[in-house]
Amino acid sequence: MKYLLLFLFIVSIIFISNGCDSGTDSKSISTTPPVLVYPYDNDSNVSVMTTFRWTGTADIVSIDLNPGFTDPVSYTVTGTSHTVSDPLSSYSAYYWKAGRNIGGTIYWSDNYYYFRTGN
């Protein structure tokens, strides 16, 4: 009986220290933002049907004519790339950034990139 109680005590300690995989666990979630890859910063002659690329996890890509992103066109994305569904304007300058949405907070890429389209 003494050994059974000791065994149950040890199992309890292991269970408590390791936790479980229930929905109420408070495991940390990485808030690392995506890193922009393409179009490159200061790139020119970019296709009006360009494919944006990044590393890491992104849920949203925003494109704007203004670096303040005051009137962005935003796309919900998955994976590490997204091709625009409507062509961008020819011979125009754009800014773009990518973000990761965690619990309603968007963790944007550390920077935004500027590029110019061709025809």
PDB file of N, CA and C in Angstrom:
ATOM      1  N   MET A   1       0.830  -1.194   0.000  1.00  0.00           N
ATOM      2  CA  MET A   1       0.000   0.000   0.000  1.00  0.00           C
ATOM      3  C   MET A   1       0.873   1.255   0.000  1.00  0.00           C
ATOM      4  N   LYS A   2       1.947   1.209   0.775  1.00  0.00           N
ATOM      5  CA  LYS A   2       2.853   2.345   0.863  1.00  0.00           C
ATOM      6  C   LYS A   2       3.451   2.657  -0.514  1.00  0.00           C
ATOM      7  N   TYR A   3       3.801   1.599  -1.260  1.00  0.00           N
ATOM      8  CA  TYR A   3       4.390   1.802  -2.589  1.00  0.00           C
ATOM      9  C   TYR A   3       3.363   2.319  -3.594  1.00  0.00           C
ATOM     10  N   LEU A   4       2.133   1.896  -3.461  1.00  0.00           N
ATOM     11  CA  LEU A   4       1.068   2.380  -4.333  1.00  0.00           C
ATOM     12  C   LEU A   4       0.849   3.869  -4.132  1.00  0.00           C
ATOM     13  N   LEU A   5       0.817   4.328  -2.898  1.00  0.00           N
ATOM     14  CA  LEU A   5       0.656   5.757  -2.610  1.00  0.00           C
ATOM     15  C   LEU A   5       1.838   6.560  -3.136  1.00  0.00           C
ATOM     16  N   LEU A   6       3.037   6.037  -2.975  1.00  0.00           N
ATOM     17  CA  LEU A   6       4.229   6.706  -3.488  1.00  0.00           C
ATOM     18  C   LEU A   6       4.157   6.793  -5.011  1.00  0.00           C
ATOM     19  N   PHE A   7       3.748   5.712  -5.659  1.00  0.00           N
ATOM     20  CA  PHE A   7       3.613   5.699  -7.110  1.00  0.00           C
ATOM     21  C   PHE A   7       2.584   6.733  -7.571  1.00  0.00           C
ATOM     22  N   LEU A   8       1.438   6.788  -6.946  1.00  0.00           N
ATOM     23  CA  LEU A   8       0.406   7.763  -7.301  1.00  0.00           C
ATOM     24  C   LEU A   8       0.888   9.189  -7.066  1.00  0.00           C
ATOM     25  N   PHE A   9       1.630   9.408  -6.016  1.00  0.00           N
ATOM     26  CA  PHE A   9       2.179  10.729  -5.727  1.00  0.00           C
ATOM     27  C   PHE A   9       3.146  11.152  -6.840  1.00  0.00           C
ATOM     28  N   ILE A  10       4.032  10.262  -7.257  1.00  0.00           N
ATOM     29  CA  ILE A  10       5.002  10.577  -8.312  1.00  0.00           C
ATOM     30  C   ILE A  10       4.294  10.844  -9.636  1.00  0.00           C
ATOM     31  N   VAL A  11       3.308  10.021  -9.971  1.00  0.00           N
ATOM     32  CA  VAL A  11       2.544  10.225 -11.206  1.00  0.00           C
ATOM     33  C   VAL A  11       1.826  11.571 -11.160  1.00  0.00           C
ATOM     34  N   SER A  12       1.277  11.942 -10.026  1.00  0.00           N
ATOM     35  CA  SER A  12       0.592  13.234  -9.882  1.00  0.00           C
ATOM     36  C   SER A  12       1.550  14.390 -10.111  1.00  0.00           C
ATOM     37  N   ILE A  13       2.734  14.311  -9.549  1.00  0.00           N
ATOM     38  CA  ILE A  13       3.736  15.373  -9.725  1.00  0.00           C
ATOM     39  C   ILE A  13       4.135  15.493 -11.192  1.00  0.00           C
ATOM     40  N   ILE A  14       4.347  14.364 -11.860  1.00  0.00           N
ATOM     41  CA  ILE A  14       4.704  14.394 -13.282  1.00  0.00           C
ATOM     42  C   ILE A  14       3.581  15.015 -14.093  1.00  0.00           C
ATOM     43  N   PHE A  15       2.354  14.638 -13.835  1.00  0.00           N
ATOM     44  CA  PHE A  15       1.214  15.180 -14.563  1.00  0.00           C
ATOM     45  C   PHE A  15       1.103  16.687 -14.357  1.00  0.00           C
ATOM     46  N   ILE A  16       1.241  17.147 -13.153  1.00  0.00           N
ATOM     47  CA  ILE A  16       1.129  18.573 -12.840  1.00  0.00           C
ATOM     48  C   ILE A  16       2.250  19.355 -13.503  1.00  0.00           C
ATOM     49  N   SER A  17       3.467  18.836 -13.469  1.00  0.00           N
ATOM     50  CA  SER A  17       4.598  19.577 -14.027  1.00  0.00           C
ATOM     51  C   SER A  17       4.581  19.607 -15.548  1.00  0.00           C
ATOM     52  N   ASN A  18       4.033  18.585 -16.201  1.00  0.00           N
ATOM     53  CA  ASN A  18       3.996  18.549 -17.656  1.00  0.00           C
ATOM     54  C   ASN A  18       2.719  19.141 -18.223  1.00  0.00           C
ATOM     55  N   GLY A  19       1.693  19.247 -17.468  1.00  0.00           N
ATOM     56  CA  GLY A  19       0.424  19.781 -17.942  1.00  0.00           C
ATOM     57  C   GLY A  19      -0.268  18.807 -18.864  1.00  0.00           C
ATOM     58  N   CYS A  20      -1.291  19.286 -19.531  1.00  0.00           N
ATOM     59  CA  CYS A  20      -2.009  18.454 -20.486  1.00  0.00           C
ATOM     60  C   CYS A  20      -2.296  19.289 -21.716  1.00  0.00           C
ATOM     61  N   ASP A  21      -2.882  18.696 -22.713  1.00  0.00           N
ATOM     62  CA  ASP A  21      -3.144  19.388 -23.964  1.00  0.00           C
ATOM     63  C   ASP A  21      -4.583  19.855 -24.083  1.00  0.00           C
ATOM     64  N   SER A  22      -5.184  20.271 -23.011  1.00  0.00           N
ATOM     65  CA  SER A  22      -6.561  20.745 -23.074  1.00  0.00           C
ATOM     66  C   SER A  22      -6.596  22.143 -23.667  1.00  0.00           C
ATOM     67  N   GLY A  23      -7.759  22.581 -24.050  1.00  0.00           N
ATOM     68  CA  GLY A  23      -7.932  23.910 -24.623  1.00  0.00           C
ATOM     69  C   GLY A  23      -7.676  25.028 -23.631  1.00  0.00           C
ATOM     70  N   THR A  24      -7.552  24.719 -22.362  1.00  0.00           N
ATOM     71  CA  THR A  24      -7.326  25.767 -21.368  1.00  0.00           C
ATOM     72  C   THR A  24      -5.861  25.909 -20.996  1.00  0.00           C
ATOM     73  N   ASP A  25      -4.982  25.092 -21.602  1.00  0.00           N
ATOM     74  CA  ASP A  25      -3.549  25.257 -21.336  1.00  0.00           C
ATOM     75  C   ASP A  25      -3.118  26.648 -21.767  1.00  0.00           C
ATOM     76  N   SER A  26      -2.170  27.203 -21.066  1.00  0.00           N
ATOM     77  CA  SER A  26      -1.669  28.523 -21.425  1.00  0.00           C
ATOM     78  C   SER A  26      -0.254  28.391 -21.981  1.00  0.00           C
ATOM     79  N   LYS A  27      -0.154  27.777 -23.153  1.00  0.00           N
ATOM     80  CA  LYS A  27       1.137  27.624 -23.813  1.00  0.00           C
ATOM     81  C   LYS A  27       1.413  28.885 -24.618  1.00  0.00           C
ATOM     82  N   SER A  28       2.677  29.277 -24.658  1.00  0.00           N
ATOM     83  CA  SER A  28       3.015  30.506 -25.360  1.00  0.00           C
ATOM     84  C   SER A  28       2.860  30.319 -26.864  1.00  0.00           C
ATOM     85  N   ILE A  29       2.423  31.362 -27.518  1.00  0.00           N
ATOM     86  CA  ILE A  29       2.258  31.388 -28.967  1.00  0.00           C
ATOM     87  C   ILE A  29       3.255  32.390 -29.504  1.00  0.00           C
ATOM     88  N   SER A  30       4.001  31.981 -30.507  1.00  0.00           N
ATOM     89  CA  SER A  30       4.998  32.872 -31.089  1.00  0.00           C
ATOM     90  C   SER A  30       4.315  34.047 -31.780  1.00  0.00           C
ATOM     91  N   THR A  31       4.766  35.236 -31.487  1.00  0.00           N
ATOM     92  CA  THR A  31       4.237  36.440 -32.117  1.00  0.00           C
ATOM     93  C   THR A  31       5.237  36.990 -33.135  1.00  0.00           C
ATOM     94  N   THR A  32       6.131  36.133 -33.591  1.00  0.00           N
ATOM     95  CA  THR A  32       7.126  36.557 -34.566  1.00  0.00           C
ATOM     96  C   THR A  32       6.425  36.955 -35.858  1.00  0.00           C
ATOM     97  N   PRO A  33       6.633  38.183 -36.318  1.00  0.00           N
ATOM     98  CA  PRO A  33       5.969  38.614 -37.548  1.00  0.00           C
ATOM     99  C   PRO A  33       6.639  38.004 -38.771  1.00  0.00           C
ATOM    100  N   PRO A  34       5.935  38.000 -39.909  1.00  0.00           N
ATOM    101  CA  PRO A  34       6.541  37.503 -41.140  1.00  0.00           C
ATOM    102  C   PRO A  34       7.668  38.428 -41.601  1.00  0.00           C
ATOM    103  N   VAL A  35       8.547  37.891 -42.432  1.00  0.00           N
ATOM    104  CA  VAL A  35       9.649  38.662 -43.013  1.00  0.00           C
ATOM    105  C   VAL A  35       9.391  38.772 -44.514  1.00  0.00           C
ATOM    106  N   LEU A  36       9.398  39.995 -45.026  1.00  0.00           N
ATOM    107  CA  LEU A  36       9.102  40.238 -46.436  1.00  0.00           C
ATOM    108  C   LEU A  36      10.226  39.724 -47.325  1.00  0.00           C
ATOM    109  N   VAL A  37       9.836  39.135 -48.455  1.00  0.00           N
ATOM    110  CA  VAL A  37      10.826  38.613 -49.398  1.00  0.00           C
ATOM    111  C   VAL A  37      10.697  39.291 -50.763  1.00  0.00           C
ATOM    112  N   TYR A  38       9.504  39.233 -51.385  1.00  0.00           N
ATOM    113  CA  TYR A  38       9.331  39.779 -52.732  1.00  0.00           C
ATOM    114  C   TYR A  38       7.943  40.366 -52.893  1.00  0.00           C
ATOM    115  N   PRO A  39       7.773  41.489 -53.581  1.00  0.00           N
ATOM    116  CA  PRO A  39       8.752  42.295 -54.282  1.00  0.00           C
ATOM    117  C   PRO A  39       9.759  42.914 -53.305  1.00  0.00           C
ATOM    118  N   TYR A  40      10.988  43.000 -53.771  1.00  0.00           N
ATOM    119  CA  TYR A  40      12.064  43.535 -52.948  1.00  0.00           C
ATOM    120  C   TYR A  40      11.844  45.011 -52.659  1.00  0.00           C
ATOM    121  N   ASP A  41      12.475  45.502 -51.626  1.00  0.00           N
ATOM    122  CA  ASP A  41      12.410  46.930 -51.325  1.00  0.00           C
ATOM    123  C   ASP A  41      13.101  47.700 -52.450  1.00  0.00           C
ATOM    124  N   ASN A  42      12.454  48.744 -52.927  1.00  0.00           N
ATOM    125  CA  ASN A  42      12.924  49.595 -54.028  1.00  0.00           C
ATOM    126  C   ASN A  42      12.987  48.866 -55.366  1.00  0.00           C
ATOM    127  N   ASP A  43      12.236  47.792 -55.501  1.00  0.00           N
ATOM    128  CA  ASP A  43      12.190  47.046 -56.753  1.00  0.00           C
ATOM    129  C   ASP A  43      11.434  47.861 -57.797  1.00  0.00           C
ATOM    130  N   SER A  44      11.757  47.633 -59.066  1.00  0.00           N
ATOM    131  CA  SER A  44      11.055  48.339 -60.140  1.00  0.00           C
ATOM    132  C   SER A  44      10.664  47.339 -61.218  1.00  0.00           C
ATOM    133  N   ASN A  45       9.749  47.761 -62.085  1.00  0.00           N
ATOM    134  CA  ASN A  45       9.240  46.944 -63.174  1.00  0.00           C
ATOM    135  C   ASN A  45       8.604  45.642 -62.667  1.00  0.00           C
ATOM    136  N   VAL A  46       7.942  45.722 -61.521  1.00  0.00           N
ATOM    137  CA  VAL A  46       7.252  44.572 -60.929  1.00  0.00           C
ATOM    138  C   VAL A  46       5.953  44.339 -61.701  1.00  0.00           C
ATOM    139  N   SER A  47       5.618  43.096 -61.927  1.00  0.00           N
ATOM    140  CA  SER A  47       4.397  42.742 -62.654  1.00  0.00           C
ATOM    141  C   SER A  47       3.160  43.282 -61.942  1.00  0.00           C
ATOM    142  N   VAL A  48       2.179  43.717 -62.722  1.00  0.00           N
ATOM    143  CA  VAL A  48       0.922  44.201 -62.135  1.00  0.00           C
ATOM    144  C   VAL A  48       0.116  43.046 -61.536  1.00  0.00           C
ATOM    145  N   MET A  49       0.486  41.811 -61.873  1.00  0.00           N
ATOM    146  CA  MET A  49      -0.137  40.614 -61.293  1.00  0.00           C
ATOM    147  C   MET A  49       0.900  39.884 -60.429  1.00  0.00           C
ATOM    148  N   THR A  50       1.622  40.645 -59.656  1.00  0.00           N
ATOM    149  CA  THR A  50       2.740  40.105 -58.878  1.00  0.00           C
ATOM    150  C   THR A  50       2.304  39.111 -57.812  1.00  0.00           C
ATOM    151  N   THR A  51       3.241  38.286 -57.428  1.00  0.00           N
ATOM    152  CA  THR A  51       3.051  37.367 -56.314  1.00  0.00           C
ATOM    153  C   THR A  51       3.902  37.856 -55.155  1.00  0.00           C
ATOM    154  N   PHE A  52       3.259  38.196 -54.056  1.00  0.00           N
ATOM    155  CA  PHE A  52       3.966  38.628 -52.849  1.00  0.00           C
ATOM    156  C   PHE A  52       4.474  37.387 -52.128  1.00  0.00           C
ATOM    157  N   ARG A  53       5.704  37.473 -51.599  1.00  0.00           N
ATOM    158  CA  ARG A  53       6.301  36.343 -50.884  1.00  0.00           C
ATOM    159  C   ARG A  53       6.900  36.822 -49.559  1.00  0.00           C
ATOM    160  N   TRP A  54       6.847  35.950 -48.567  1.00  0.00           N
ATOM    161  CA  TRP A  54       7.390  36.236 -47.243  1.00  0.00           C
ATOM    162  C   TRP A  54       7.818  34.927 -46.610  1.00  0.00           C
ATOM    163  N   THR A  55       8.558  35.033 -45.517  1.00  0.00           N
ATOM    164  CA  THR A  55       8.883  33.845 -44.726  1.00  0.00           C
ATOM    165  C   THR A  55       8.139  33.959 -43.399  1.00  0.00           C
ATOM    166  N   GLY A  56       7.947  32.819 -42.754  1.00  0.00           N
ATOM    167  CA  GLY A  56       7.201  32.805 -41.503  1.00  0.00           C
ATOM    168  C   GLY A  56       5.718  32.682 -41.770  1.00  0.00           C
ATOM    169  N   THR A  57       4.930  33.026 -40.771  1.00  0.00           N
ATOM    170  CA  THR A  57       3.481  32.907 -40.860  1.00  0.00           C
ATOM    171  C   THR A  57       2.850  34.270 -41.068  1.00  0.00           C
ATOM    172  N   ALA A  58       1.977  34.369 -42.062  1.00  0.00           N
ATOM    173  CA  ALA A  58       1.222  35.602 -42.308  1.00  0.00           C
ATOM    174  C   ALA A  58      -0.235  35.247 -42.539  1.00  0.00           C
ATOM    175  N   ASP A  59      -1.111  36.131 -42.088  1.00  0.00           N
ATOM    176  CA  ASP A  59      -2.550  35.985 -42.300  1.00  0.00           C
ATOM    177  C   ASP A  59      -3.097  37.104 -43.180  1.00  0.00           C
ATOM    178  N   ILE A  60      -2.312  38.192 -43.307  1.00  0.00           N
ATOM    179  CA  ILE A  60      -2.789  39.370 -44.028  1.00  0.00           C
ATOM    180  C   ILE A  60      -1.626  40.039 -44.752  1.00  0.00           C
ATOM    181  N   VAL A  61      -1.910  40.499 -45.972  1.00  0.00           N
ATOM    182  CA  VAL A  61      -0.968  41.310 -46.740  1.00  0.00           C
ATOM    183  C   VAL A  61      -1.700  42.598 -47.073  1.00  0.00           C
ATOM    184  N   SER A  62      -1.042  43.731 -46.832  1.00  0.00           N
ATOM    185  CA  SER A  62      -1.636  45.031 -47.146  1.00  0.00           C
ATOM    186  C   SER A  62      -0.764  45.766 -48.148  1.00  0.00           C
ATOM    187  N   ILE A  63      -1.437  46.402 -49.107  1.00  0.00           N
ATOM    188  CA  ILE A  63      -0.777  47.172 -50.153  1.00  0.00           C
ATOM    189  C   ILE A  63      -1.384  48.558 -50.145  1.00  0.00           C
ATOM    190  N   ASP A  64      -0.533  49.581 -50.294  1.00  0.00           N
ATOM    191  CA  ASP A  64      -1.054  50.951 -50.300  1.00  0.00           C
ATOM    192  C   ASP A  64      -0.153  51.837 -51.146  1.00  0.00           C
ATOM    193  N   LEU A  65      -0.699  52.967 -51.557  1.00  0.00           N
ATOM    194  CA  LEU A  65       0.084  53.970 -52.274  1.00  0.00           C
ATOM    195  C   LEU A  65       0.841  54.866 -51.300  1.00  0.00           C
ATOM    196  N   ASN A  66       0.511  54.758 -50.029  1.00  0.00           N
ATOM    197  CA  ASN A  66       1.055  55.628 -48.986  1.00  0.00           C
ATOM    198  C   ASN A  66       1.780  54.780 -47.942  1.00  0.00           C
ATOM    199  N   PRO A  67       2.982  55.176 -47.508  1.00  0.00           N
ATOM    200  CA  PRO A  67       3.695  54.386 -46.501  1.00  0.00           C
ATOM    201  C   PRO A  67       3.014  54.370 -45.138  1.00  0.00           C
ATOM    202  N   GLY A  68       2.044  55.255 -44.931  1.00  0.00           N
ATOM    203  CA  GLY A  68       1.279  55.255 -43.684  1.00  0.00           C
ATOM    204  C   GLY A  68       0.125  54.255 -43.711  1.00  0.00           C
ATOM    205  N   PHE A  69      -0.075  53.605 -44.856  1.00  0.00           N
ATOM    206  CA  PHE A  69      -1.149  52.622 -45.039  1.00  0.00           C
ATOM    207  C   PHE A  69      -2.492  53.187 -44.578  1.00  0.00           C
ATOM    208  N   THR A  70      -2.808  54.399 -45.099  1.00  0.00           N
ATOM    209  CA  THR A  70      -4.051  55.072 -44.723  1.00  0.00           C
ATOM    210  C   THR A  70      -5.280  54.512 -45.454  1.00  0.00           C
ATOM    211  N   ASP A  71      -5.074  53.914 -46.636  1.00  0.00           N
ATOM    212  CA  ASP A  71      -6.189  53.346 -47.396  1.00  0.00           C
ATOM    213  C   ASP A  71      -5.721  52.062 -48.078  1.00  0.00           C
ATOM    214  N   PRO A  72      -5.338  51.057 -47.284  1.00  0.00           N
ATOM    215  CA  PRO A  72      -4.743  49.862 -47.891  1.00  0.00           C
ATOM    216  C   PRO A  72      -5.766  48.929 -48.530  1.00  0.00           C
ATOM    217  N   VAL A  73      -5.286  48.172 -49.484  1.00  0.00           N
ATOM    218  CA  VAL A  73      -6.009  47.014 -49.997  1.00  0.00           C
ATOM    219  C   VAL A  73      -5.389  45.839 -49.262  1.00  0.00           C
ATOM    220  N   SER A  74      -6.222  45.083 -48.566  1.00  0.00           N
ATOM    221  CA  SER A  74      -5.708  43.980 -47.756  1.00  0.00           C
ATOM    222  C   SER A  74      -6.249  42.652 -48.252  1.00  0.00           C
ATOM    223  N   TYR A  75      -5.397  41.642 -48.174  1.00  0.00           N
ATOM    224  CA  TYR A  75      -5.759  40.293 -48.583  1.00  0.00           C
ATOM    225  C   TYR A  75      -5.568  39.354 -47.405  1.00  0.00           C
ATOM    226  N   THR A  76      -6.539  38.463 -47.200  1.00  0.00           N
ATOM    227  CA  THR A  76      -6.370  37.385 -46.238  1.00  0.00           C
ATOM    228  C   THR A  76      -5.558  36.309 -46.943  1.00  0.00           C
ATOM    229  N   VAL A  77      -4.480  35.863 -46.297  1.00  0.00           N
ATOM    230  CA  VAL A  77      -3.555  34.953 -46.958  1.00  0.00           C
ATOM    231  C   VAL A  77      -3.243  33.740 -46.087  1.00  0.00           C
ATOM    232  N   THR A  78      -2.704  32.717 -46.715  1.00  0.00           N
ATOM    233  CA  THR A  78      -2.164  31.548 -46.032  1.00  0.00           C
ATOM    234  C   THR A  78      -0.876  31.179 -46.742  1.00  0.00           C
ATOM    235  N   GLY A  79      -0.088  30.351 -46.124  1.00  0.00           N
ATOM    236  CA  GLY A  79       1.159  29.935 -46.751  1.00  0.00           C
ATOM    237  C   GLY A  79       2.199  31.046 -46.730  1.00  0.00           C
ATOM    238  N   THR A  80       3.057  31.059 -47.758  1.00  0.00           N
ATOM    239  CA  THR A  80       4.137  32.042 -47.807  1.00  0.00           C
ATOM    240  C   THR A  80       4.130  32.862 -49.091  1.00  0.00           C
ATOM    241  N   SER A  81       2.990  32.872 -49.794  1.00  0.00           N
ATOM    242  CA  SER A  81       2.894  33.716 -50.994  1.00  0.00           C
ATOM    243  C   SER A  81       1.421  33.997 -51.303  1.00  0.00           C
ATOM    244  N   HIS A  82       1.234  35.071 -52.076  1.00  0.00           N
ATOM    245  CA  HIS A  82      -0.121  35.434 -52.497  1.00  0.00           C
ATOM    246  C   HIS A  82      -0.017  36.239 -53.785  1.00  0.00           C
ATOM    247  N   THR A  83      -0.773  35.818 -54.805  1.00  0.00           N
ATOM    248  CA  THR A  83      -0.838  36.551 -56.069  1.00  0.00           C
ATOM    249  C   THR A  83      -2.079  37.429 -56.039  1.00  0.00           C
ATOM    250  N   VAL A  84      -1.914  38.686 -56.399  1.00  0.00           N
ATOM    251  CA  VAL A  84      -3.059  39.603 -56.373  1.00  0.00           C
ATOM    252  C   VAL A  84      -4.145  39.094 -57.311  1.00  0.00           C
ATOM    253  N   SER A  85      -5.397  39.316 -56.927  1.00  0.00           N
ATOM    254  CA  SER A  85      -6.522  38.855 -57.740  1.00  0.00           C
ATOM    255  C   SER A  85      -6.913  39.892 -58.791  1.00  0.00           C
ATOM    256  N   ASP A  86      -6.664  41.154 -58.522  1.00  0.00           N
ATOM    257  CA  ASP A  86      -6.908  42.234 -59.481  1.00  0.00           C
ATOM    258  C   ASP A  86      -5.571  42.888 -59.783  1.00  0.00           C
ATOM    259  N   PRO A  87      -5.315  43.214 -61.043  1.00  0.00           N
ATOM    260  CA  PRO A  87      -4.017  43.809 -61.368  1.00  0.00           C
ATOM    261  C   PRO A  87      -3.807  45.150 -60.672  1.00  0.00           C
ATOM    262  N   LEU A  88      -2.567  45.375 -60.284  1.00  0.00           N
ATOM    263  CA  LEU A  88      -2.185  46.679 -59.759  1.00  0.00           C
ATOM    264  C   LEU A  88      -2.108  47.650 -60.928  1.00  0.00           C
ATOM    265  N   SER A  89      -2.057  48.932 -60.657  1.00  0.00           N
ATOM    266  CA  SER A  89      -1.955  49.926 -61.721  1.00  0.00           C
ATOM    267  C   SER A  89      -0.555  49.914 -62.318  1.00  0.00           C
ATOM    268  N   SER A  90      -0.485  50.065 -63.631  1.00  0.00           N
ATOM    269  CA  SER A  90       0.809  50.123 -64.317  1.00  0.00           C
ATOM    270  C   SER A  90       1.562  51.393 -63.939  1.00  0.00           C
ATOM    271  N   TYR A  91       2.871  51.273 -63.903  1.00  0.00           N
ATOM    272  CA  TYR A  91       3.766  52.412 -63.649  1.00  0.00           C
ATOM    273  C   TYR A  91       3.370  53.189 -62.388  1.00  0.00           C
ATOM    274  N   SER A  92       3.071  52.459 -61.336  1.00  0.00           N
ATOM    275  CA  SER A  92       2.673  53.071 -60.067  1.00  0.00           C
ATOM    276  C   SER A  92       3.606  52.618 -58.951  1.00  0.00           C
ATOM    277  N   ALA A  93       3.675  53.444 -57.923  1.00  0.00           N
ATOM    278  CA  ALA A  93       4.502  53.129 -56.750  1.00  0.00           C
ATOM    279  C   ALA A  93       3.595  52.596 -55.639  1.00  0.00           C
ATOM    280  N   TYR A  94       4.056  51.531 -54.976  1.00  0.00           N
ATOM    281  CA  TYR A  94       3.288  50.902 -53.910  1.00  0.00           C
ATOM    282  C   TYR A  94       4.175  50.601 -52.709  1.00  0.00           C
ATOM    283  N   TYR A  95       3.512  50.424 -51.585  1.00  0.00           N
ATOM    284  CA  TYR A  95       4.149  49.938 -50.357  1.00  0.00           C
ATOM    285  C   TYR A  95       3.401  48.681 -49.954  1.00  0.00           C
ATOM    286  N   TRP A  96       4.117  47.732 -49.373  1.00  0.00           N
ATOM    287  CA  TRP A  96       3.436  46.524 -48.911  1.00  0.00           C
ATOM    288  C   TRP A  96       4.045  46.033 -47.611  1.00  0.00           C
ATOM    289  N   LYS A  97       3.209  45.328 -46.840  1.00  0.00           N
ATOM    290  CA  LYS A  97       3.641  44.714 -45.583  1.00  0.00           C
ATOM    291  C   LYS A  97       2.785  43.479 -45.346  1.00  0.00           C
ATOM    292  N   ALA A  98       3.249  42.608 -44.460  1.00  0.00           N
ATOM    293  CA  ALA A  98       2.515  41.386 -44.139  1.00  0.00           C
ATOM    294  C   ALA A  98       2.389  41.284 -42.628  1.00  0.00           C
ATOM    295  N   GLY A  99       1.327  40.662 -42.167  1.00  0.00           N
ATOM    296  CA  GLY A  99       1.099  40.560 -40.732  1.00  0.00           C
ATOM    297  C   GLY A  99       0.552  39.216 -40.319  1.00  0.00           C
ATOM    298  N   ARG A 100       0.699  38.982 -39.033  1.00  0.00           N
ATOM    299  CA  ARG A 100       0.195  37.749 -38.416  1.00  0.00           C
ATOM    300  C   ARG A 100      -0.830  38.142 -37.365  1.00  0.00           C
ATOM    301  N   ASN A 101      -2.039  37.623 -37.492  1.00  0.00           N
ATOM    302  CA  ASN A 101      -3.131  37.946 -36.577  1.00  0.00           C
ATOM    303  C   ASN A 101      -3.196  36.891 -35.474  1.00  0.00           C
ATOM    304  N   ILE A 102      -2.963  37.331 -34.246  1.00  0.00           N
ATOM    305  CA  ILE A 102      -3.055  36.429 -33.095  1.00  0.00           C
ATOM    306  C   ILE A 102      -3.987  37.063 -32.080  1.00  0.00           C
ATOM    307  N   GLY A 103      -5.129  36.461 -31.893  1.00  0.00           N
ATOM    308  CA  GLY A 103      -6.090  36.954 -30.922  1.00  0.00           C
ATOM    309  C   GLY A 103      -6.573  38.369 -31.190  1.00  0.00           C
ATOM    310  N   GLY A 104      -6.671  38.747 -32.461  1.00  0.00           N
ATOM    311  CA  GLY A 104      -7.147  40.085 -32.816  1.00  0.00           C
ATOM    312  C   GLY A 104      -6.055  41.145 -32.879  1.00  0.00           C
ATOM    313  N   THR A 105      -4.833  40.805 -32.503  1.00  0.00           N
ATOM    314  CA  THR A 105      -3.703  41.726 -32.616  1.00  0.00           C
ATOM    315  C   THR A 105      -2.879  41.320 -33.827  1.00  0.00           C
ATOM    316  N   ILE A 106      -2.569  42.284 -34.705  1.00  0.00           N
ATOM    317  CA  ILE A 106      -1.770  41.977 -35.886  1.00  0.00           C
ATOM    318  C   ILE A 106      -0.323  42.346 -35.612  1.00  0.00           C
ATOM    319  N   TYR A 107       0.555  41.374 -35.777  1.00  0.00           N
ATOM    320  CA  TYR A 107       1.994  41.584 -35.627  1.00  0.00           C
ATOM    321  C   TYR A 107       2.564  41.752 -37.034  1.00  0.00           C
ATOM    322  N   TRP A 108       2.756  43.032 -37.410  1.00  0.00           N
ATOM    323  CA  TRP A 108       3.196  43.372 -38.760  1.00  0.00           C
ATOM    324  C   TRP A 108       4.679  43.089 -38.934  1.00  0.00           C
ATOM    325  N   SER A 109       5.053  42.866 -40.194  1.00  0.00           N
ATOM    326  CA  SER A 109       6.464  42.722 -40.530  1.00  0.00           C
ATOM    327  C   SER A 109       7.216  43.927 -39.965  1.00  0.00           C
ATOM    328  N   ASP A 110       8.479  43.722 -39.627  1.00  0.00           N
ATOM    329  CA  ASP A 110       9.262  44.784 -38.993  1.00  0.00           C
ATOM    330  C   ASP A 110       9.427  46.002 -39.890  1.00  0.00           C
ATOM    331  N   ASN A 111       9.198  45.859 -41.166  1.00  0.00           N
ATOM    332  CA  ASN A 111       9.319  46.970 -42.098  1.00  0.00           C
ATOM    333  C   ASN A 111       8.266  46.811 -43.198  1.00  0.00           C
ATOM    334  N   TYR A 112       8.208  47.760 -44.078  1.00  0.00           N
ATOM    335  CA  TYR A 112       7.389  47.648 -45.270  1.00  0.00           C
ATOM    336  C   TYR A 112       8.325  47.854 -46.447  1.00  0.00           C
ATOM    337  N   TYR A 113       7.927  47.351 -47.609  1.00  0.00           N
ATOM    338  CA  TYR A 113       8.740  47.477 -48.813  1.00  0.00           C
ATOM    339  C   TYR A 113       8.048  48.389 -49.806  1.00  0.00           C
ATOM    340  N   TYR A 114       8.872  49.128 -50.528  1.00  0.00           N
ATOM    341  CA  TYR A 114       8.424  50.024 -51.594  1.00  0.00           C
ATOM    342  C   TYR A 114       8.777  49.374 -52.936  1.00  0.00           C
ATOM    343  N   PHE A 115       7.855  49.424 -53.882  1.00  0.00           N
ATOM    344  CA  PHE A 115       8.171  48.918 -55.218  1.00  0.00           C
ATOM    345  C   PHE A 115       7.366  49.701 -56.267  1.00  0.00           C
ATOM    346  N   ARG A 116       7.824  49.593 -57.517  1.00  0.00           N
ATOM    347  CA  ARG A 116       7.150  50.238 -58.636  1.00  0.00           C
ATOM    348  C   ARG A 116       6.777  49.174 -59.674  1.00  0.00           C
ATOM    349  N   THR A 117       5.566  49.287 -60.208  1.00  0.00           N
ATOM    350  CA  THR A 117       5.115  48.343 -61.231  1.00  0.00           C
ATOM    351  C   THR A 117       5.577  48.785 -62.610  1.00  0.00           C
ATOM    352  N   GLY A 118       5.607  47.825 -63.522  1.00  0.00           N
ATOM    353  CA  GLY A 118       5.856  48.117 -64.943  1.00  0.00           C
ATOM    354  C   GLY A 118       4.518  48.179 -65.654  1.00  0.00           C
ATOM    355  N   ASN A 119       4.480  47.666 -66.871  1.00  0.00           N
ATOM    356  CA  ASN A 119       3.192  47.706 -67.591  1.00  0.00           C
ATOM    357  C   ASN A 119       2.458  46.398 -67.516  1.00  0.00           C
TER     358      ASN A 119
END
